[in-house]
Amino acid sequence: MTWDLHKLFQHHAKELVRSLTRRGHSSDTAADITQDAFVRLITTQPSRVGFDANPRAYLFAITRNLSIDLIRRDRLVPKVELTAEMAEWIVDPNPLQDAIVYDRQRLAATERAIAELPARTRRAFELHRMDELTIAEIADRIELSTSRTWSLIRDAYKHIRSRLGAIDATP
């Protein structure tokens, strides 16, 4: 057996929402449960016992079960009222536009500063920072002493910091 989901929704959705609001759900929650009931109906085999005989009764049974599930979930997970003080602690996960611009400027300045480094200094810095090698490993690769390698890396950091200082000093 097949059914016309659109017709079922037109005929029964408002009635299901009214029934759920009479049971104490808000109109928004009732609408959500009703939509979930139709989603469950879509995922159910049309030959399932109960639906063939009376689709309205089957929809009401689904909404009743979803309503009970929601009430049980609400009992398990207590709702916390958000106070103004708590709201101040909530951080927006999206960065502000000026922070995005600032970070992009710093990244571009860092890339320029690295490009300005002498080849050996840049190689030592990249091995240290990007490849996360130790000073001794870098010294072996570029065939310098560890103290000279450390000096190159230190110089690279100083150079990059000086270039970023120009960005940070700009209003």
N, C-alpha and C. Protein backbone atom coordinates (compact mmCIF):
# COMPACT_ATOMS: atom_id res chain seq x y z
N MET A 1 0.84 -1.19 0.00
CA MET A 1 0.00 0.00 0.00
C MET A 1 0.88 1.24 0.00
N THR A 2 0.51 2.23 -0.75
CA THR A 2 1.22 3.51 -0.75
C THR A 2 0.27 4.57 -0.23
N TRP A 3 0.83 5.67 0.19
CA TRP A 3 0.01 6.75 0.71
C TRP A 3 0.51 8.07 0.15
N ASP A 4 -0.36 9.03 0.18
CA ASP A 4 -0.02 10.38 -0.26
C ASP A 4 0.34 11.18 0.99
N LEU A 5 1.62 11.34 1.20
CA LEU A 5 2.12 11.99 2.41
C LEU A 5 1.61 13.44 2.50
N HIS A 6 1.56 14.11 1.38
CA HIS A 6 1.09 15.50 1.37
C HIS A 6 -0.36 15.59 1.86
N LYS A 7 -1.20 14.71 1.38
CA LYS A 7 -2.60 14.72 1.83
C LYS A 7 -2.72 14.38 3.31
N LEU A 8 -1.92 13.39 3.75
CA LEU A 8 -1.95 13.04 5.17
C LEU A 8 -1.54 14.23 6.03
N PHE A 9 -0.51 14.94 5.59
CA PHE A 9 -0.06 16.10 6.35
C PHE A 9 -1.15 17.17 6.38
N GLN A 10 -1.76 17.44 5.23
CA GLN A 10 -2.82 18.45 5.16
C GLN A 10 -4.00 18.08 6.07
N HIS A 11 -4.35 16.82 6.11
CA HIS A 11 -5.52 16.41 6.87
C HIS A 11 -5.29 16.27 8.37
N HIS A 12 -4.05 15.93 8.77
CA HIS A 12 -3.85 15.56 10.17
C HIS A 12 -2.85 16.41 10.94
N ALA A 13 -2.03 17.19 10.29
CA ALA A 13 -0.96 17.91 11.00
C ALA A 13 -1.50 18.87 12.05
N LYS A 14 -2.47 19.70 11.67
CA LYS A 14 -3.01 20.67 12.63
C LYS A 14 -3.66 19.97 13.82
N GLU A 15 -4.34 18.90 13.56
CA GLU A 15 -4.99 18.15 14.61
C GLU A 15 -3.95 17.53 15.57
N LEU A 16 -2.85 17.05 15.01
CA LEU A 16 -1.78 16.48 15.84
C LEU A 16 -1.15 17.56 16.71
N VAL A 17 -0.92 18.73 16.13
CA VAL A 17 -0.32 19.83 16.89
C VAL A 17 -1.26 20.24 18.03
N ARG A 18 -2.57 20.37 17.74
CA ARG A 18 -3.53 20.73 18.78
C ARG A 18 -3.54 19.71 19.90
N SER A 19 -3.48 18.44 19.54
CA SER A 19 -3.48 17.39 20.55
C SER A 19 -2.25 17.49 21.45
N LEU A 20 -1.12 17.78 20.84
CA LEU A 20 0.12 17.89 21.62
C LEU A 20 0.13 19.14 22.50
N THR A 21 -0.42 20.23 22.02
CA THR A 21 -0.47 21.44 22.86
C THR A 21 -1.43 21.23 24.04
N ARG A 22 -2.49 20.46 23.83
CA ARG A 22 -3.39 20.15 24.94
C ARG A 22 -2.69 19.29 26.00
N ARG A 23 -1.69 18.54 25.58
CA ARG A 23 -0.91 17.72 26.51
C ARG A 23 0.18 18.53 27.22
N GLY A 24 0.27 19.81 26.91
CA GLY A 24 1.20 20.66 27.64
C GLY A 24 2.44 21.08 26.88
N HIS A 25 2.58 20.68 25.64
CA HIS A 25 3.74 21.10 24.85
C HIS A 25 3.50 22.49 24.29
N SER A 26 4.58 23.22 24.11
CA SER A 26 4.46 24.53 23.45
C SER A 26 4.11 24.29 21.99
N SER A 27 3.63 25.34 21.33
CA SER A 27 3.25 25.17 19.93
C SER A 27 4.46 24.83 19.06
N ASP A 28 5.62 25.38 19.38
CA ASP A 28 6.84 25.06 18.62
C ASP A 28 7.24 23.60 18.81
N THR A 29 7.20 23.15 20.06
CA THR A 29 7.55 21.75 20.35
C THR A 29 6.55 20.82 19.69
N ALA A 30 5.28 21.16 19.76
CA ALA A 30 4.24 20.34 19.14
C ALA A 30 4.45 20.24 17.63
N ALA A 31 4.82 21.36 17.01
CA ALA A 31 5.08 21.34 15.57
C ALA A 31 6.30 20.47 15.26
N ASP A 32 7.33 20.55 16.10
CA ASP A 32 8.52 19.71 15.90
C ASP A 32 8.19 18.23 16.02
N ILE A 33 7.41 17.88 17.04
CA ILE A 33 7.03 16.48 17.23
C ILE A 33 6.20 16.00 16.05
N THR A 34 5.31 16.84 15.57
CA THR A 34 4.48 16.47 14.41
C THR A 34 5.36 16.21 13.19
N GLN A 35 6.32 17.08 12.96
CA GLN A 35 7.23 16.86 11.83
C GLN A 35 8.01 15.57 12.01
N ASP A 36 8.48 15.32 13.23
CA ASP A 36 9.20 14.08 13.51
C ASP A 36 8.32 12.86 13.27
N ALA A 37 7.03 12.99 13.57
CA ALA A 37 6.10 11.88 13.35
C ALA A 37 6.01 11.56 11.85
N PHE A 38 5.95 12.59 11.03
CA PHE A 38 5.88 12.35 9.60
C PHE A 38 7.20 11.80 9.05
N VAL A 39 8.31 12.23 9.64
CA VAL A 39 9.60 11.65 9.25
C VAL A 39 9.61 10.16 9.60
N ARG A 40 9.14 9.83 10.78
CA ARG A 40 9.08 8.43 11.18
C ARG A 40 8.15 7.66 10.25
N LEU A 41 7.06 8.28 9.85
CA LEU A 41 6.12 7.64 8.93
C LEU A 41 6.79 7.34 7.59
N ILE A 42 7.60 8.28 7.12
CA ILE A 42 8.29 8.09 5.84
C ILE A 42 9.25 6.91 5.93
N THR A 43 9.89 6.75 7.07
CA THR A 43 10.88 5.69 7.22
C THR A 43 10.28 4.35 7.60
N THR A 44 8.96 4.31 7.80
CA THR A 44 8.27 3.08 8.17
C THR A 44 7.75 2.40 6.91
N GLN A 45 7.76 1.09 6.93
CA GLN A 45 7.23 0.33 5.80
C GLN A 45 5.73 0.57 5.69
N PRO A 46 5.21 0.84 4.49
CA PRO A 46 3.77 1.14 4.34
C PRO A 46 2.87 -0.03 4.69
N SER A 47 3.37 -1.24 4.68
CA SER A 47 2.52 -2.38 4.99
C SER A 47 2.48 -2.68 6.48
N ARG A 48 3.07 -1.82 7.27
CA ARG A 48 3.13 -2.05 8.72
C ARG A 48 1.72 -2.11 9.31
N VAL A 49 1.52 -3.01 10.20
CA VAL A 49 0.21 -3.18 10.83
C VAL A 49 -0.15 -1.91 11.59
N GLY A 50 -1.33 -1.46 11.46
CA GLY A 50 -1.79 -0.26 12.16
C GLY A 50 -1.98 0.88 11.19
N PHE A 51 -1.04 1.05 10.31
CA PHE A 51 -1.17 2.14 9.36
C PHE A 51 -2.20 1.81 8.30
N ASP A 52 -2.17 0.57 7.82
CA ASP A 52 -3.09 0.20 6.74
C ASP A 52 -4.54 0.41 7.15
N ALA A 53 -4.85 0.06 8.38
CA ALA A 53 -6.23 0.14 8.83
C ALA A 53 -6.67 1.57 9.11
N ASN A 54 -5.80 2.36 9.75
CA ASN A 54 -6.21 3.71 10.15
C ASN A 54 -4.97 4.61 10.24
N PRO A 55 -4.63 5.31 9.16
CA PRO A 55 -3.42 6.14 9.18
C PRO A 55 -3.48 7.25 10.24
N ARG A 56 -4.66 7.79 10.51
CA ARG A 56 -4.81 8.83 11.52
C ARG A 56 -4.43 8.30 12.90
N ALA A 57 -4.95 7.14 13.25
CA ALA A 57 -4.64 6.54 14.54
C ALA A 57 -3.15 6.20 14.64
N TYR A 58 -2.58 5.76 13.54
CA TYR A 58 -1.16 5.43 13.53
C TYR A 58 -0.32 6.69 13.76
N LEU A 59 -0.68 7.81 13.13
CA LEU A 59 0.03 9.08 13.34
C LEU A 59 -0.11 9.55 14.78
N PHE A 60 -1.29 9.41 15.36
CA PHE A 60 -1.47 9.80 16.75
C PHE A 60 -0.63 8.93 17.68
N ALA A 61 -0.51 7.66 17.36
CA ALA A 61 0.32 6.77 18.18
C ALA A 61 1.79 7.18 18.11
N ILE A 62 2.24 7.53 16.91
CA ILE A 62 3.62 7.98 16.75
C ILE A 62 3.87 9.26 17.55
N THR A 63 2.96 10.24 17.43
CA THR A 63 3.17 11.50 18.16
C THR A 63 3.10 11.28 19.67
N ARG A 64 2.22 10.39 20.12
CA ARG A 64 2.16 10.10 21.55
C ARG A 64 3.49 9.52 22.03
N ASN A 65 4.04 8.56 21.28
CA ASN A 65 5.30 7.95 21.66
C ASN A 65 6.45 8.96 21.63
N LEU A 66 6.48 9.81 20.62
CA LEU A 66 7.52 10.84 20.55
C LEU A 66 7.38 11.83 21.70
N SER A 67 6.16 12.16 22.05
CA SER A 67 5.91 13.07 23.17
C SER A 67 6.41 12.46 24.48
N ILE A 68 6.11 11.19 24.69
CA ILE A 68 6.58 10.50 25.90
C ILE A 68 8.11 10.46 25.93
N ASP A 69 8.72 10.16 24.79
CA ASP A 69 10.19 10.14 24.72
C ASP A 69 10.78 11.50 25.09
N LEU A 70 10.16 12.56 24.59
CA LEU A 70 10.65 13.92 24.88
C LEU A 70 10.52 14.23 26.37
N ILE A 71 9.40 13.88 26.96
CA ILE A 71 9.18 14.13 28.39
C ILE A 71 10.20 13.35 29.21
N ARG A 72 10.47 12.11 28.84
CA ARG A 72 11.48 11.31 29.56
C ARG A 72 12.87 11.93 29.43
N ARG A 73 13.20 12.39 28.23
CA ARG A 73 14.50 13.04 28.01
C ARG A 73 14.63 14.29 28.85
N ASP A 74 13.56 15.07 28.91
CA ASP A 74 13.58 16.31 29.69
C ASP A 74 13.77 16.03 31.18
N ARG A 75 13.24 14.91 31.65
CA ARG A 75 13.42 14.55 33.06
C ARG A 75 14.86 14.15 33.35
N LEU A 76 15.49 13.50 32.38
CA LEU A 76 16.87 13.05 32.56
C LEU A 76 17.86 14.20 32.47
N VAL A 77 17.59 15.13 31.59
CA VAL A 77 18.49 16.26 31.39
C VAL A 77 17.79 17.51 31.91
N PRO A 78 18.17 17.95 33.10
CA PRO A 78 17.48 19.12 33.66
C PRO A 78 17.76 20.38 32.83
N LYS A 79 16.74 21.20 32.71
CA LYS A 79 16.89 22.45 31.98
C LYS A 79 17.46 23.51 32.91
N VAL A 80 18.37 24.28 32.39
CA VAL A 80 19.02 25.33 33.16
C VAL A 80 18.57 26.67 32.59
N GLU A 81 18.07 27.51 33.47
CA GLU A 81 17.67 28.84 33.04
C GLU A 81 18.92 29.69 32.88
N LEU A 82 19.03 30.36 31.77
CA LEU A 82 20.19 31.19 31.47
C LEU A 82 19.98 32.57 32.08
N THR A 83 20.88 32.94 32.97
CA THR A 83 20.81 34.25 33.59
C THR A 83 21.67 35.23 32.79
N ALA A 84 21.50 36.50 33.05
CA ALA A 84 22.29 37.52 32.36
C ALA A 84 23.77 37.34 32.66
N GLU A 85 24.08 36.96 33.88
CA GLU A 85 25.48 36.75 34.26
C GLU A 85 26.08 35.57 33.48
N MET A 86 25.29 34.51 33.31
CA MET A 86 25.77 33.35 32.54
C MET A 86 25.95 33.71 31.07
N ALA A 87 25.07 34.54 30.56
CA ALA A 87 25.14 34.93 29.15
C ALA A 87 26.44 35.66 28.83
N GLU A 88 26.98 36.37 29.81
CA GLU A 88 28.24 37.08 29.58
C GLU A 88 29.40 36.12 29.35
N TRP A 89 29.31 34.91 29.88
CA TRP A 89 30.37 33.93 29.74
C TRP A 89 30.32 33.17 28.43
N ILE A 90 29.21 33.26 27.73
CA ILE A 90 29.08 32.55 26.46
C ILE A 90 29.87 33.30 25.40
N VAL A 91 30.70 32.58 24.71
CA VAL A 91 31.56 33.20 23.71
C VAL A 91 31.05 32.81 22.33
N ASP A 92 30.99 33.80 21.47
CA ASP A 92 30.60 33.54 20.10
C ASP A 92 31.75 32.82 19.40
N PRO A 93 31.50 31.64 18.82
CA PRO A 93 32.60 30.89 18.19
C PRO A 93 33.11 31.54 16.90
N ASN A 94 32.34 32.46 16.37
CA ASN A 94 32.76 33.12 15.13
C ASN A 94 33.60 34.35 15.47
N PRO A 95 34.79 34.43 14.87
CA PRO A 95 35.62 35.60 15.17
C PRO A 95 35.01 36.87 14.59
N LEU A 96 35.34 37.98 15.22
CA LEU A 96 34.89 39.26 14.72
C LEU A 96 35.62 39.58 13.42
N GLN A 97 34.99 40.38 12.58
CA GLN A 97 35.60 40.71 11.29
C GLN A 97 36.94 41.40 11.45
N ASP A 98 37.06 42.30 12.43
CA ASP A 98 38.34 42.98 12.61
C ASP A 98 39.42 42.01 13.06
N ALA A 99 39.05 40.97 13.80
CA ALA A 99 40.02 39.95 14.20
C ALA A 99 40.49 39.14 13.00
N ILE A 100 39.58 38.87 12.09
CA ILE A 100 39.94 38.14 10.87
C ILE A 100 40.92 38.96 10.05
N VAL A 101 40.62 40.24 9.87
CA VAL A 101 41.50 41.12 9.10
C VAL A 101 42.87 41.21 9.77
N TYR A 102 42.88 41.39 11.08
CA TYR A 102 44.13 41.49 11.83
C TYR A 102 44.96 40.21 11.67
N ASP A 103 44.31 39.05 11.83
CA ASP A 103 45.03 37.78 11.70
C ASP A 103 45.58 37.59 10.30
N ARG A 104 44.83 37.99 9.29
CA ARG A 104 45.32 37.87 7.91
C ARG A 104 46.51 38.79 7.67
N GLN A 105 46.46 39.98 8.25
CA GLN A 105 47.60 40.90 8.11
C GLN A 105 48.83 40.31 8.79
N ARG A 106 48.66 39.75 9.96
CA ARG A 106 49.79 39.13 10.67
C ARG A 106 50.35 37.94 9.90
N LEU A 107 49.48 37.14 9.32
CA LEU A 107 49.94 36.00 8.54
C LEU A 107 50.73 36.47 7.32
N ALA A 108 50.21 37.47 6.62
CA ALA A 108 50.92 37.98 5.44
C ALA A 108 52.27 38.57 5.85
N ALA A 109 52.31 39.30 6.96
CA ALA A 109 53.57 39.88 7.45
C ALA A 109 54.55 38.78 7.84
N THR A 110 54.05 37.72 8.45
CA THR A 110 54.92 36.60 8.82
C THR A 110 55.49 35.93 7.58
N GLU A 111 54.66 35.72 6.58
CA GLU A 111 55.14 35.10 5.33
C GLU A 111 56.20 35.97 4.66
N ARG A 112 55.97 37.29 4.64
CA ARG A 112 56.96 38.20 4.05
C ARG A 112 58.26 38.16 4.84
N ALA A 113 58.14 38.16 6.17
CA ALA A 113 59.33 38.15 7.02
C ALA A 113 60.14 36.87 6.81
N ILE A 114 59.47 35.75 6.68
CA ILE A 114 60.18 34.49 6.44
C ILE A 114 60.87 34.53 5.08
N ALA A 115 60.18 35.09 4.09
CA ALA A 115 60.77 35.18 2.75
C ALA A 115 62.00 36.09 2.74
N GLU A 116 62.06 37.06 3.62
CA GLU A 116 63.20 37.99 3.70
C GLU A 116 64.43 37.37 4.34
N LEU A 117 64.28 36.26 5.05
CA LEU A 117 65.40 35.64 5.76
C LEU A 117 66.42 35.08 4.77
N PRO A 118 67.69 35.10 5.15
CA PRO A 118 68.70 34.42 4.32
C PRO A 118 68.35 32.94 4.20
N ALA A 119 68.76 32.31 3.14
CA ALA A 119 68.36 30.94 2.83
C ALA A 119 68.64 29.96 3.97
N ARG A 120 69.84 30.00 4.54
CA ARG A 120 70.20 29.07 5.61
C ARG A 120 69.36 29.33 6.87
N THR A 121 69.14 30.58 7.20
CA THR A 121 68.33 30.94 8.37
C THR A 121 66.89 30.49 8.16
N ARG A 122 66.37 30.75 6.97
CA ARG A 122 64.99 30.34 6.66
C ARG A 122 64.86 28.82 6.75
N ARG A 123 65.85 28.08 6.21
CA ARG A 123 65.81 26.61 6.25
C ARG A 123 65.83 26.11 7.71
N ALA A 124 66.69 26.68 8.52
CA ALA A 124 66.77 26.28 9.93
C ALA A 124 65.45 26.58 10.65
N PHE A 125 64.89 27.75 10.39
CA PHE A 125 63.62 28.12 11.02
C PHE A 125 62.50 27.17 10.59
N GLU A 126 62.40 26.89 9.30
CA GLU A 126 61.35 26.01 8.80
C GLU A 126 61.48 24.60 9.37
N LEU A 127 62.71 24.10 9.45
CA LEU A 127 62.90 22.77 10.03
C LEU A 127 62.50 22.75 11.50
N HIS A 128 62.79 23.85 12.19
CA HIS A 128 62.44 23.93 13.61
C HIS A 128 60.94 24.10 13.82
N ARG A 129 60.38 25.04 13.11
CA ARG A 129 58.98 25.41 13.33
C ARG A 129 57.99 24.50 12.61
N MET A 130 58.26 24.21 11.35
CA MET A 130 57.31 23.44 10.55
C MET A 130 57.50 21.93 10.72
N ASP A 131 58.75 21.48 10.70
CA ASP A 131 59.02 20.05 10.80
C ASP A 131 59.23 19.59 12.24
N GLU A 132 59.30 20.56 13.17
CA GLU A 132 59.42 20.30 14.60
C GLU A 132 60.64 19.44 14.94
N LEU A 133 61.75 19.73 14.25
CA LEU A 133 63.00 19.03 14.55
C LEU A 133 63.70 19.72 15.72
N THR A 134 64.53 18.97 16.40
CA THR A 134 65.32 19.54 17.49
C THR A 134 66.48 20.33 16.90
N ILE A 135 67.11 21.13 17.74
CA ILE A 135 68.25 21.93 17.29
C ILE A 135 69.36 21.01 16.79
N ALA A 136 69.61 19.91 17.50
CA ALA A 136 70.66 18.97 17.09
C ALA A 136 70.34 18.34 15.73
N GLU A 137 69.09 17.98 15.50
CA GLU A 137 68.70 17.39 14.20
C GLU A 137 68.87 18.40 13.08
N ILE A 138 68.49 19.64 13.35
CA ILE A 138 68.64 20.69 12.34
C ILE A 138 70.12 20.93 12.06
N ALA A 139 70.93 20.99 13.10
CA ALA A 139 72.37 21.21 12.93
C ALA A 139 72.98 20.13 12.05
N ASP A 140 72.56 18.88 12.25
CA ASP A 140 73.05 17.79 11.40
C ASP A 140 72.63 17.98 9.95
N ARG A 141 71.41 18.40 9.74
CA ARG A 141 70.91 18.56 8.36
C ARG A 141 71.59 19.69 7.61
N ILE A 142 71.79 20.81 8.30
CA ILE A 142 72.38 21.97 7.59
C ILE A 142 73.89 22.08 7.82
N GLU A 143 74.43 21.07 8.53
CA GLU A 143 75.86 20.93 8.73
C GLU A 143 76.49 22.14 9.41
N LEU A 144 75.89 22.50 10.56
CA LEU A 144 76.42 23.57 11.40
C LEU A 144 76.47 23.07 12.83
N SER A 145 77.13 23.82 13.68
CA SER A 145 77.15 23.46 15.10
C SER A 145 75.78 23.77 15.69
N THR A 146 75.48 23.15 16.83
CA THR A 146 74.19 23.40 17.46
C THR A 146 74.08 24.84 17.93
N SER A 147 75.18 25.42 18.42
CA SER A 147 75.10 26.81 18.88
C SER A 147 74.86 27.75 17.70
N ARG A 148 75.49 27.50 16.55
CA ARG A 148 75.27 28.35 15.38
C ARG A 148 73.85 28.15 14.85
N THR A 149 73.37 26.93 14.88
CA THR A 149 72.00 26.64 14.43
C THR A 149 71.00 27.36 15.33
N TRP A 150 71.25 27.31 16.65
CA TRP A 150 70.37 28.01 17.58
C TRP A 150 70.39 29.50 17.31
N SER A 151 71.53 30.06 16.98
CA SER A 151 71.63 31.49 16.67
C SER A 151 70.80 31.83 15.43
N LEU A 152 70.86 30.97 14.41
CA LEU A 152 70.08 31.23 13.19
C LEU A 152 68.58 31.24 13.50
N ILE A 153 68.15 30.27 14.28
CA ILE A 153 66.72 30.18 14.62
C ILE A 153 66.30 31.37 15.47
N ARG A 154 67.15 31.73 16.44
CA ARG A 154 66.87 32.89 17.29
C ARG A 154 66.77 34.16 16.44
N ASP A 155 67.69 34.32 15.48
CA ASP A 155 67.66 35.48 14.59
C ASP A 155 66.38 35.51 13.75
N ALA A 156 65.94 34.33 13.31
CA ALA A 156 64.71 34.25 12.51
C ALA A 156 63.52 34.73 13.34
N TYR A 157 63.44 34.25 14.58
CA TYR A 157 62.34 34.68 15.45
C TYR A 157 62.39 36.19 15.71
N LYS A 158 63.56 36.72 15.94
CA LYS A 158 63.70 38.17 16.18
C LYS A 158 63.22 38.96 14.97
N HIS A 159 63.64 38.50 13.78
CA HIS A 159 63.25 39.19 12.54
C HIS A 159 61.72 39.17 12.36
N ILE A 160 61.14 38.02 12.56
CA ILE A 160 59.68 37.90 12.40
C ILE A 160 58.95 38.76 13.42
N ARG A 161 59.43 38.73 14.69
CA ARG A 161 58.81 39.56 15.72
C ARG A 161 58.90 41.04 15.38
N SER A 162 60.03 41.46 14.83
CA SER A 162 60.19 42.89 14.48
C SER A 162 59.21 43.27 13.38
N ARG A 163 58.99 42.40 12.42
CA ARG A 163 58.03 42.69 11.34
C ARG A 163 56.58 42.71 11.88
N LEU A 164 56.30 41.81 12.80
CA LEU A 164 54.96 41.78 13.38
C LEU A 164 54.75 42.97 14.31
N GLY A 165 55.82 43.47 14.89
CA GLY A 165 55.71 44.66 15.75
C GLY A 165 55.18 45.84 14.98
N ALA A 166 55.53 45.94 13.71
CA ALA A 166 55.02 47.03 12.87
C ALA A 166 53.52 46.91 12.69
N ILE A 167 53.03 45.68 12.54
CA ILE A 167 51.57 45.45 12.39
C ILE A 167 50.87 45.77 13.71
N ASP A 168 51.44 45.30 14.83
CA ASP A 168 50.81 45.50 16.13
C ASP A 168 50.80 46.97 16.54
N ALA A 169 51.79 47.73 16.07
CA ALA A 169 51.87 49.14 16.44
C ALA A 169 50.91 50.01 15.64
N THR A 170 50.42 49.49 14.51
CA THR A 170 49.51 50.26 13.67
C THR A 170 48.14 50.32 14.34
N PRO A 171 47.53 51.53 14.41
CA PRO A 171 46.22 51.65 15.07
C PRO A 171 45.11 51.00 14.28
